[in-house]
């Protein structure tokens, strides 16, 4: 058993870190303040390094290493998040990776050839649209409808709190979208999952103004008779819920990687500041209220990073062999990581802000934008905390613990 990264993985991680520190970190505050979005030259630079193709097979323009896709993607997201603490770019990036991973596995050959090369080049955005006005945790009750006629789906409805509505409209691309193709009373057994171009006729969107992640748009998408071909479907008809869950497992691991990357940088910032800053004639770290808190945060983060690496490795194993690890075990580990990572990241950001005093409440440090960015994942993006607890309870206790 070897817990170290391979030489190739370590070299890759270092390459991404050097790029991120040189090209991204100096512009992080600009990204947070720029409602126009992430600078195009940053996207191009990442694409030139092959970073958007990490979960896309080579035949579709990607650079995926079979059986190592999620571990590699996790390393990259972690490093991008260390450099861009508003979480705007990390979220934009991880959405592309997570959902292109699913398309490459559940998409038709026509769909993969149509969109994956453009995503790998950084030209198109690929995201997820499941949440509706009634919420996002109970996906079995969604109302967006996709009537099927003559081999096509016709969508009517709306999705809320969708990331990348403006980026997709401006650059091209779309969202993996969950909609109903059967009776409402059939719940999750009557849902279908498909790619929907945001520039398709009948699609309109509006931006919502959020607390954080200012460099990445979040909004509402309306579908008014939107026509998509059957080959855009991901997985089987009426089994879209299960297909979407496969994508969420990958995306949630990458969300956690963004949380650990941001938290790691926050710990470094507060360590360095507390070592330099003097109070009563001695460094802040001489006070146990500071040093012990930093030590505890460091220990918790290291434990999370190891669990996250194991979870990413588990997903990669079933990429090699579908029966290598039980799905229930993977679901549980993903939920454990997603339950812990956003809260721990937010806690570390808050502690670092407190160590800085009034300075931590200002925009003279990047800590406040990290706090705002991570809050989106505490609130519930890619799955709320209590939903993760339900998953863990279901797998460990049994169905008796399911509240529905």
Protein backbone atom coordinates (compact mmCIF):
# COMPACT_ATOMS: atom_id res chain seq x y z
CA UNK A 1 0.00 0.00 0.00
CA UNK A 2 1.50 3.31 -1.14
CA UNK A 3 -0.20 6.61 -0.31
CA UNK A 4 2.20 8.72 -2.32
CA UNK A 5 1.40 10.25 -5.68
CA UNK A 6 3.30 8.75 -8.59
CA UNK A 7 6.20 10.73 -10.03
CA UNK A 8 4.01 11.63 -13.02
CA UNK A 9 1.15 12.81 -10.80
CA UNK A 10 3.48 14.89 -8.63
CA UNK A 11 5.03 16.50 -11.71
CA UNK A 12 1.55 17.26 -13.07
CA UNK A 13 0.45 18.77 -9.76
CA UNK A 14 3.54 20.98 -9.64
CA UNK A 15 3.01 22.10 -13.24
CA UNK A 16 -0.55 23.17 -12.48
CA UNK A 17 0.55 24.94 -9.30
CA UNK A 18 3.21 26.92 -11.13
CA UNK A 19 0.75 27.97 -13.82
CA UNK A 20 -1.90 28.88 -11.26
CA UNK A 21 0.46 30.92 -9.09
CA UNK A 22 1.87 32.78 -12.08
CA UNK A 23 -1.20 33.31 -14.26
CA UNK A 24 -4.24 33.02 -12.00
CA UNK A 25 -3.39 34.14 -8.45
CA UNK A 26 -2.42 37.72 -9.43
CA UNK A 27 -5.85 38.16 -11.05
CA UNK A 28 -8.01 36.51 -8.39
CA UNK A 29 -9.36 39.77 -6.98
CA UNK A 30 -10.05 41.01 -10.50
CA UNK A 31 -12.06 37.84 -11.19
CA UNK A 32 -14.08 38.30 -8.00
CA UNK A 33 -14.92 41.89 -8.90
CA UNK A 34 -15.53 41.24 -12.58
CA UNK A 35 -19.16 40.49 -13.38
CA UNK A 36 -18.03 40.07 -17.00
CA UNK A 37 -16.50 36.75 -16.02
CA UNK A 38 -13.19 34.90 -16.10
CA UNK A 39 -10.53 36.40 -18.40
CA UNK A 40 -10.38 34.58 -21.73
CA UNK A 41 -6.59 34.36 -21.62
CA UNK A 42 -6.76 32.30 -18.42
CA UNK A 43 -9.16 29.86 -20.05
CA UNK A 44 -6.86 29.64 -23.09
CA UNK A 45 -3.82 29.03 -20.91
CA UNK A 46 -5.56 26.22 -19.05
CA UNK A 47 -6.71 24.69 -22.34
CA UNK A 48 -3.18 24.81 -23.74
CA UNK A 49 -2.03 22.76 -20.75
CA UNK A 50 -4.76 20.23 -21.51
CA UNK A 51 -6.55 20.94 -18.24
CA UNK A 52 -10.06 20.90 -19.70
CA UNK A 53 -9.50 17.47 -21.23
CA UNK A 54 -8.52 15.53 -18.11
CA UNK A 55 -11.78 13.56 -18.03
CA UNK A 56 -12.25 13.37 -21.83
CA UNK A 57 -10.82 10.43 -23.81
CA UNK A 58 -8.14 11.16 -26.38
CA UNK A 59 -10.37 10.25 -29.34
CA UNK A 60 -12.60 13.21 -28.43
CA UNK A 61 -9.75 15.67 -28.06
CA UNK A 62 -9.03 15.08 -24.39
CA UNK A 63 -6.03 13.94 -22.40
CA UNK A 64 -7.65 11.51 -19.94
CA UNK A 65 -5.55 8.69 -18.56
CA UNK A 66 -7.89 5.71 -18.33
CA UNK A 67 -8.48 4.70 -14.73
CA UNK A 68 -6.89 7.87 -13.32
CA UNK A 69 -9.33 10.54 -14.51
CA UNK A 70 -10.85 11.63 -11.21
CA UNK A 71 -7.63 11.56 -9.18
CA UNK A 72 -5.92 13.67 -11.86
CA UNK A 73 -8.86 16.07 -12.09
CA UNK A 74 -8.97 16.35 -8.30
CA UNK A 75 -5.30 17.36 -8.18
CA UNK A 76 -5.87 20.05 -10.82
CA UNK A 77 -8.98 21.51 -9.17
CA UNK A 78 -7.19 21.65 -5.81
CA UNK A 79 -4.35 23.67 -7.30
CA UNK A 80 -6.63 26.05 -9.23
CA UNK A 81 -8.62 26.68 -6.04
CA UNK A 82 -5.45 27.45 -4.07
CA UNK A 83 -4.80 30.29 -6.50
CA UNK A 84 -8.31 31.66 -7.08
CA UNK A 85 -9.98 31.89 -3.69
CA UNK A 86 -13.27 33.43 -4.84
CA UNK A 87 -14.13 29.94 -6.17
CA UNK A 88 -15.38 31.42 -9.47
CA UNK A 89 -12.76 29.79 -11.69
CA UNK A 90 -12.54 26.55 -9.66
CA UNK A 91 -16.29 26.04 -9.97
CA UNK A 92 -16.31 26.88 -13.69
CA UNK A 93 -13.48 24.41 -14.15
CA UNK A 94 -14.80 21.53 -12.05
CA UNK A 95 -18.22 21.68 -13.70
CA UNK A 96 -16.62 21.18 -17.10
CA UNK A 97 -14.53 18.28 -15.80
CA UNK A 98 -17.28 16.55 -13.85
CA UNK A 99 -19.99 16.63 -16.47
CA UNK A 100 -17.73 15.90 -19.44
CA UNK A 101 -16.69 12.82 -17.43
CA UNK A 102 -20.32 11.73 -17.42
CA UNK A 103 -20.94 12.59 -21.08
CA UNK A 104 -17.92 10.50 -22.08
CA UNK A 105 -19.50 7.51 -20.32
CA UNK A 106 -23.24 7.93 -20.77
CA UNK A 107 -23.47 9.97 -23.96
CA UNK A 108 -24.13 8.70 -27.46
CA UNK A 109 -21.29 8.65 -29.96
CA UNK A 110 -22.88 11.54 -31.88
CA UNK A 111 -23.13 13.69 -28.76
CA UNK A 112 -19.58 12.97 -27.65
CA UNK A 113 -18.20 13.93 -31.05
CA UNK A 114 -20.29 17.09 -31.10
CA UNK A 115 -19.44 18.64 -27.75
CA UNK A 116 -16.45 17.01 -26.04
CA UNK A 117 -13.75 18.35 -28.42
CA UNK A 118 -15.07 21.89 -27.88
CA UNK A 119 -15.08 21.44 -24.09
CA UNK A 120 -11.55 20.01 -24.16
CA UNK A 121 -10.35 23.11 -26.02
CA UNK A 122 -11.95 25.38 -23.43
CA UNK A 123 -14.26 26.81 -26.08
CA UNK A 124 -17.58 25.57 -24.70
CA UNK A 125 -18.97 25.44 -21.18
CA UNK A 126 -20.61 22.29 -19.83
CA UNK A 127 -22.63 22.45 -16.62
CA UNK A 128 -25.56 20.96 -14.75
CA UNK A 129 -29.21 22.06 -14.46
CA UNK A 130 -31.40 20.14 -12.01
CA UNK A 131 -32.61 22.54 -9.29
CA UNK A 132 -36.05 24.12 -9.70
CA UNK A 133 -37.96 26.87 -7.88
CA UNK A 134 -39.16 24.35 -5.30
CA UNK A 135 -35.58 23.37 -4.47
CA UNK A 136 -32.91 20.93 -5.52
CA UNK A 137 -32.74 18.23 -2.86
CA UNK A 138 -35.90 16.35 -3.88
CA UNK A 139 -35.12 15.74 -7.54
CA UNK A 140 -37.88 13.14 -7.79
CA UNK A 141 -40.44 15.98 -7.69
CA UNK A 142 -39.11 18.12 -10.53
CA UNK A 143 -41.68 19.53 -12.95
CA UNK A 144 -39.72 20.47 -16.08
CA UNK A 145 -41.30 18.31 -18.76
CA UNK A 146 -39.82 16.73 -21.86
CA UNK A 147 -42.54 15.32 -24.08
CA UNK A 148 -41.22 12.97 -26.75
CA UNK A 149 -42.45 13.16 -30.33
CA UNK A 150 -40.91 11.78 -33.52
CA UNK A 151 -37.59 10.94 -31.88
CA UNK A 152 -37.19 14.36 -30.27
CA UNK A 153 -37.78 15.81 -26.81
CA UNK A 154 -39.66 19.08 -26.33
CA UNK A 155 -38.80 20.76 -23.03
CA UNK A 156 -40.95 23.16 -21.03
CA UNK A 157 -40.13 24.42 -17.57
CA UNK A 158 -37.35 26.20 -15.73
CA UNK A 159 -34.24 25.58 -13.68
CA UNK A 160 -32.91 27.77 -10.89
CA UNK A 161 -29.46 28.52 -9.46
CA UNK A 162 -27.70 27.25 -12.55
CA UNK A 163 -23.99 28.05 -12.87
CA UNK A 164 -22.61 29.35 -16.15
CA UNK A 165 -25.77 30.74 -17.77
CA UNK A 166 -23.94 33.74 -19.23
CA UNK A 167 -20.72 31.88 -20.01
CA UNK A 168 -22.62 29.26 -21.98
CA UNK A 169 -24.62 31.90 -23.83
CA UNK A 170 -21.49 33.87 -24.75
CA UNK A 171 -19.08 31.03 -25.52
CA UNK A 172 -21.33 28.14 -26.44
CA UNK A 173 -22.13 24.91 -24.69
CA UNK A 174 -24.96 23.93 -22.42
CA UNK A 175 -26.10 21.95 -19.42
CA UNK A 176 -26.83 18.36 -18.54
CA UNK A 177 -30.51 18.73 -17.69
CA UNK A 178 -32.95 16.54 -15.78
CA UNK A 179 -36.57 16.55 -16.93
CA UNK A 180 -39.73 14.50 -16.62
CA UNK A 181 -40.71 12.03 -19.35
CA UNK A 182 -43.33 10.09 -17.41
CA UNK A 183 -46.04 10.49 -14.80
CA UNK A 184 -45.37 12.83 -11.90
CA UNK A 185 -46.47 10.17 -9.41
CA UNK A 186 -43.69 7.87 -10.67
CA UNK A 187 -41.14 10.21 -9.10
CA UNK A 188 -37.50 9.50 -9.93
CA UNK A 189 -38.48 6.54 -12.11
CA UNK A 190 -39.88 8.91 -14.76
CA UNK A 191 -36.93 11.25 -15.28
CA UNK A 192 -34.60 11.55 -18.25
CA UNK A 193 -31.19 13.23 -18.39
CA UNK A 194 -29.93 14.99 -21.52
CA UNK A 195 -27.61 17.68 -22.82
CA UNK A 196 -29.43 20.93 -23.65
CA UNK A 197 -27.53 23.68 -25.54
CA UNK A 198 -28.13 27.02 -23.85
CA UNK A 199 -28.19 28.70 -27.26
CA UNK A 200 -31.01 26.45 -28.51
CA UNK A 201 -34.21 28.08 -29.73
CA UNK A 202 -36.66 28.46 -26.86
CA UNK A 203 -33.99 28.74 -24.16
CA UNK A 204 -33.73 32.01 -22.25
CA UNK A 205 -31.87 32.88 -19.09
CA UNK A 206 -31.49 35.60 -16.48
CA UNK A 207 -28.68 36.22 -14.02
CA UNK A 208 -29.23 36.09 -10.27
CA UNK A 209 -27.09 38.22 -7.97
CA UNK A 210 -25.32 36.00 -5.47
CA UNK A 211 -23.22 36.55 -2.35
CA UNK A 212 -20.01 35.11 -3.76
CA UNK A 213 -18.33 33.56 -6.80
CA UNK A 214 -18.85 36.89 -8.55
CA UNK A 215 -16.73 35.95 -11.56
CA UNK A 216 -19.08 33.09 -12.52
CA UNK A 217 -22.70 33.75 -13.40
CA UNK A 218 -25.55 31.98 -11.62
CA UNK A 219 -29.05 32.25 -12.97
CA UNK A 220 -32.39 30.92 -14.11
CA UNK A 221 -32.95 29.01 -17.35
CA UNK A 222 -36.40 28.93 -18.99
CA UNK A 223 -37.37 26.25 -21.52
CA UNK A 224 -40.22 27.14 -23.86
CA UNK A 225 -40.81 24.30 -26.30
CA UNK A 226 -37.07 23.62 -26.58
CA UNK A 227 -36.43 20.88 -29.12
CA UNK A 228 -33.49 18.52 -28.68
CA UNK A 229 -32.67 15.35 -30.63
CA UNK A 230 -32.87 11.97 -28.96
CA UNK A 231 -29.12 11.46 -29.34
CA UNK A 232 -28.58 14.23 -26.75
CA UNK A 233 -29.93 11.87 -24.10
CA UNK A 234 -27.53 10.64 -21.43
CA UNK A 235 -28.23 7.07 -20.42
CA UNK A 236 -31.63 5.44 -20.76
CA UNK A 237 -35.01 7.11 -20.95
CA UNK A 238 -36.79 7.32 -17.58
CA UNK A 239 -33.55 6.31 -15.83
CA UNK A 240 -32.02 9.76 -15.88
CA UNK A 241 -32.01 10.05 -12.10
CA UNK A 242 -29.52 7.21 -11.83
CA UNK A 243 -27.39 8.59 -14.66
CA UNK A 244 -27.29 12.00 -13.00
CA UNK A 245 -26.20 10.46 -9.70
CA UNK A 246 -23.11 9.01 -11.41
CA UNK A 247 -22.21 12.49 -12.56
CA UNK A 248 -22.87 13.97 -9.14
CA UNK A 249 -20.42 11.53 -7.55
CA UNK A 250 -17.63 12.82 -9.80
CA UNK A 251 -18.67 16.46 -9.45
CA UNK A 252 -18.94 16.26 -5.66
CA UNK A 253 -15.41 14.90 -5.35
CA UNK A 254 -14.18 17.85 -7.42
CA UNK A 255 -16.21 20.30 -5.31
CA UNK A 256 -14.43 18.90 -2.26
CA UNK A 257 -11.08 19.35 -4.01
CA UNK A 258 -11.91 23.03 -4.52
CA UNK A 259 -12.76 23.30 -0.82
CA UNK A 260 -9.50 21.66 0.27
CA UNK A 261 -7.46 23.81 -2.11
CA UNK A 262 -8.95 27.03 -0.80
CA UNK A 263 -8.70 25.89 2.82
CA UNK A 264 -5.06 24.87 2.39
CA UNK A 265 -4.18 28.32 1.09
CA UNK A 266 -6.13 30.02 3.89
CA UNK A 267 -4.17 28.01 6.45
CA UNK A 268 -0.90 29.07 4.86
CA UNK A 269 -1.97 32.72 4.85
CA UNK A 270 -2.95 32.71 8.51
CA UNK A 271 0.15 30.72 9.51
CA UNK A 272 2.43 33.27 7.85
CA UNK A 273 0.51 36.26 9.18
CA UNK A 274 0.30 34.92 12.74
CA UNK A 275 4.03 34.24 12.72
CA UNK A 276 4.86 37.83 11.68
CA UNK A 277 2.17 39.72 13.59
CA UNK A 278 3.14 40.67 17.13
CA UNK A 279 0.88 41.19 20.12
CA UNK A 280 2.15 42.13 23.55
CA UNK A 281 5.67 41.88 22.21
CA UNK A 282 5.49 38.37 20.80
CA UNK A 283 4.16 36.61 17.66
CA UNK A 284 0.49 35.68 17.62
CA UNK A 285 1.40 32.01 17.25
CA UNK A 286 2.83 32.08 20.78
CA UNK A 287 -0.76 32.23 22.01
CA UNK A 288 -2.34 28.78 22.18
CA UNK A 289 -5.70 30.21 21.18
CA UNK A 290 -4.14 30.86 17.78
CA UNK A 291 -1.56 28.09 17.35
CA UNK A 292 -3.81 25.30 18.65
CA UNK A 293 -6.63 26.37 16.36
CA UNK A 294 -4.28 26.37 13.37
CA UNK A 295 -2.96 22.94 14.42
CA UNK A 296 -6.48 21.52 14.74
CA UNK A 297 -7.52 22.92 11.37
CA UNK A 298 -4.39 21.51 9.75
CA UNK A 299 -5.05 18.06 11.23
CA UNK A 300 -8.68 18.03 10.10
CA UNK A 301 -7.73 19.16 6.61
CA UNK A 302 -5.06 16.46 6.26
CA UNK A 303 -7.56 13.78 7.28
CA UNK A 304 -10.08 15.10 4.76
CA UNK A 305 -7.51 15.22 1.95
CA UNK A 306 -6.61 11.56 2.49
CA UNK A 307 -10.28 10.51 2.54
CA UNK A 308 -10.89 12.54 -0.61
CA UNK A 309 -7.94 10.95 -2.41
CA UNK A 310 -9.23 7.50 -1.49
CA UNK A 311 -12.70 8.40 -2.75
CA UNK A 312 -11.38 9.69 -6.07
CA UNK A 313 -9.31 6.51 -6.39
CA UNK A 314 -12.43 4.41 -5.76
CA UNK A 315 -14.31 6.11 -8.60
CA UNK A 316 -11.34 5.52 -10.89
CA UNK A 317 -11.35 1.83 -9.99
CA UNK A 318 -14.88 1.33 -11.31
CA UNK A 319 -13.78 3.11 -14.46
CA UNK A 320 -11.41 0.17 -14.95
CA UNK A 321 -13.81 -2.50 -13.68
CA UNK A 322 -17.49 -1.69 -13.01
CA UNK A 323 -17.61 -4.31 -10.25
CA UNK A 324 -14.32 -3.41 -8.55
CA UNK A 325 -16.01 -1.57 -5.66
CA UNK A 326 -19.70 -1.65 -4.63
CA UNK A 327 -21.58 1.47 -5.70
CA UNK A 328 -22.99 1.86 -2.20
CA UNK A 329 -19.49 2.13 -0.77
CA UNK A 330 -18.57 4.83 -3.27
CA UNK A 331 -21.80 6.72 -2.62
CA UNK A 332 -21.06 6.70 1.10
CA UNK A 333 -17.49 7.95 0.75
CA UNK A 334 -18.53 10.70 -1.66
CA UNK A 335 -21.23 11.80 0.78
CA UNK A 336 -18.77 11.79 3.68
CA UNK A 337 -16.43 14.09 1.78
CA UNK A 338 -19.20 16.41 0.60
CA UNK A 339 -20.69 16.58 4.10
CA UNK A 340 -17.37 17.62 5.64
CA UNK A 341 -15.38 19.59 3.04
CA UNK A 342 -17.48 22.76 2.59
CA UNK A 343 -18.03 23.17 6.32
CA UNK A 344 -14.38 22.58 7.17
CA UNK A 345 -13.26 24.95 4.43
CA UNK A 346 -15.62 27.63 5.68
CA UNK A 347 -14.50 27.07 9.27
CA UNK A 348 -10.83 27.42 8.30
CA UNK A 349 -11.58 30.58 6.31
CA UNK A 350 -13.46 32.03 9.28
CA UNK A 351 -10.67 31.18 11.71
CA UNK A 352 -8.11 32.78 9.39
CA UNK A 353 -10.24 35.92 9.16
CA UNK A 354 -10.49 36.06 12.96
CA UNK A 355 -6.72 35.69 13.31
CA UNK A 356 -6.32 38.74 11.06
CA UNK A 357 -8.72 40.83 13.14
CA UNK A 358 -10.24 43.79 11.30
CA UNK A 359 -7.90 43.12 8.38
CA UNK A 360 -9.63 39.78 7.85
CA UNK A 361 -12.96 41.57 7.42
CA UNK A 362 -11.51 43.76 4.67
CA UNK A 363 -10.67 42.99 1.07
CA UNK A 364 -6.98 43.55 1.79
CA UNK A 365 -6.73 39.77 2.11
CA UNK A 366 -8.42 37.15 -0.11
CA UNK A 367 -9.95 35.42 2.91
CA UNK A 368 -13.33 37.15 2.76
CA UNK A 369 -13.89 36.14 -0.87
CA UNK A 370 -12.99 32.55 0.03
CA UNK A 371 -15.58 32.69 2.82
CA UNK A 372 -18.22 33.95 0.38
CA UNK A 373 -17.30 31.41 -2.27
CA UNK A 374 -17.32 28.38 0.01
CA UNK A 375 -20.67 29.37 1.49
CA UNK A 376 -22.33 28.32 -1.78
CA UNK A 377 -21.34 24.73 -1.09
CA UNK A 378 -22.37 24.89 2.55
CA UNK A 379 -25.78 26.14 1.42
CA UNK A 380 -26.12 23.18 -0.88
CA UNK A 381 -24.63 23.38 -4.38
CA UNK A 382 -24.02 19.85 -5.75
CA UNK A 383 -26.02 18.44 -2.84
CA UNK A 384 -26.93 19.84 0.57
CA UNK A 385 -25.31 18.73 3.82
CA UNK A 386 -28.42 17.02 5.13
CA UNK A 387 -28.84 15.11 1.87
CA UNK A 388 -25.30 13.80 2.35
CA UNK A 389 -26.25 12.71 5.87
CA UNK A 390 -29.30 10.90 4.52
CA UNK A 391 -27.09 9.00 2.06
CA UNK A 392 -24.63 8.02 4.80
CA UNK A 393 -27.43 6.98 7.17
CA UNK A 394 -29.15 4.97 4.43
CA UNK A 395 -25.99 3.00 3.65
CA UNK A 396 -24.81 2.52 7.25
CA UNK A 397 -28.10 2.18 9.15
CA UNK A 398 -30.36 0.91 6.39
CA UNK A 399 -33.55 1.96 4.62
CA UNK A 400 -35.29 2.44 7.97
CA UNK A 401 -33.35 5.72 8.26
CA UNK A 402 -34.72 7.17 5.00
CA UNK A 403 -37.18 10.01 5.81
CA UNK A 404 -39.21 9.70 2.59
